[in-house]
Protein backbone atom coordinates (compact mmCIF):
# COMPACT_ATOMS: atom_id res chain seq x y z
CA MET A 1 2.42 17.05 4.40
CA SER A 2 -0.90 16.17 5.95
CA ALA A 3 -2.19 12.61 6.09
CA THR A 4 -4.99 13.56 3.69
CA SER A 5 -2.66 14.97 1.04
CA GLU A 6 -0.30 12.00 1.45
CA LEU A 7 -3.26 9.66 0.94
CA LYS A 8 -4.36 11.49 -2.19
CA SER A 9 -0.85 11.37 -3.65
CA PHE A 10 -1.04 7.63 -4.32
CA LEU A 11 -4.66 6.58 -4.01
CA ASP A 12 -7.74 7.05 -6.10
CA PRO A 13 -10.27 7.40 -3.27
CA VAL A 14 -13.13 6.23 -5.48
CA ASN A 15 -11.54 3.09 -6.93
CA ASP A 16 -8.70 1.95 -4.66
CA THR A 17 -9.12 -0.69 -1.97
CA ILE A 18 -7.17 0.26 1.18
CA VAL A 19 -5.65 -2.70 3.01
CA ASN A 20 -3.16 -3.43 5.76
CA VAL A 21 0.04 -5.40 5.19
CA LYS A 22 -1.45 -8.75 6.19
CA GLN A 23 -4.43 -8.29 3.84
CA ALA A 24 -2.14 -7.29 0.96
CA ALA A 25 0.01 -10.37 1.52
CA LYS A 26 -3.03 -12.62 1.50
CA HIS A 27 -4.45 -10.99 -1.65
CA TYR A 28 -1.20 -11.45 -3.60
CA SER A 29 -0.32 -14.83 -2.03
CA VAL A 30 3.04 -13.64 -0.70
CA SER A 31 4.47 -13.44 2.80
CA VAL A 32 4.00 -10.47 5.11
CA PRO A 33 7.79 -9.80 5.08
CA THR A 34 7.65 -9.58 1.26
CA VAL A 35 5.00 -6.85 1.43
CA TRP A 36 7.06 -5.02 4.06
CA ARG A 37 10.09 -5.17 1.74
CA TRP A 38 8.01 -3.61 -1.06
CA LEU A 39 6.80 -0.83 1.23
CA LEU A 40 10.14 -0.07 2.88
CA SER A 41 12.00 -0.03 -0.44
CA GLY A 42 9.57 2.56 -1.78
CA LYS A 43 8.50 0.32 -4.65
CA VAL A 44 4.91 0.39 -3.34
CA ALA A 45 3.34 3.53 -1.90
CA SER A 46 1.98 3.35 1.63
CA MET A 47 1.08 5.54 4.54
CA LYS A 48 1.20 5.15 8.28
CA VAL A 49 -2.16 5.03 10.04
CA GLY A 50 -1.73 4.96 13.79
CA SER A 51 0.86 2.29 14.46
CA SER A 52 0.31 0.34 11.23
CA ARG A 53 0.88 0.77 7.50
CA ARG A 54 -1.79 0.91 4.80
CA THR A 55 -1.47 0.55 1.06
CA SER A 56 -3.90 -0.32 -1.70
CA ILE A 57 -4.33 -3.37 -3.86
CA GLU A 58 -4.19 -1.06 -6.88
CA ALA A 59 -0.97 0.66 -5.70
CA ILE A 60 0.74 -2.74 -5.62
CA ALA A 61 -0.60 -3.60 -9.08
CA ARG A 62 0.60 -0.24 -10.45
CA ALA A 63 4.06 -0.74 -8.92
CA PHE A 64 4.58 -4.01 -10.71
CA ALA A 65 2.87 -3.07 -13.98
CA SER A 66 5.85 -0.96 -15.02
């Protein structure tokens, strides 16, 4: 699976805000390890970009809306 198709599988490129783990933690007022737990458990979609992980604010909201 290419990085582009992986990105499209969980992001709306027009409306989603892509963030790193630290930015996501700050946005949701949780710790960085908490965001890592969400990503590593598969609860929140993410993708690896270089040596870091990226997710979206909206992907986190969708994960906890259900």
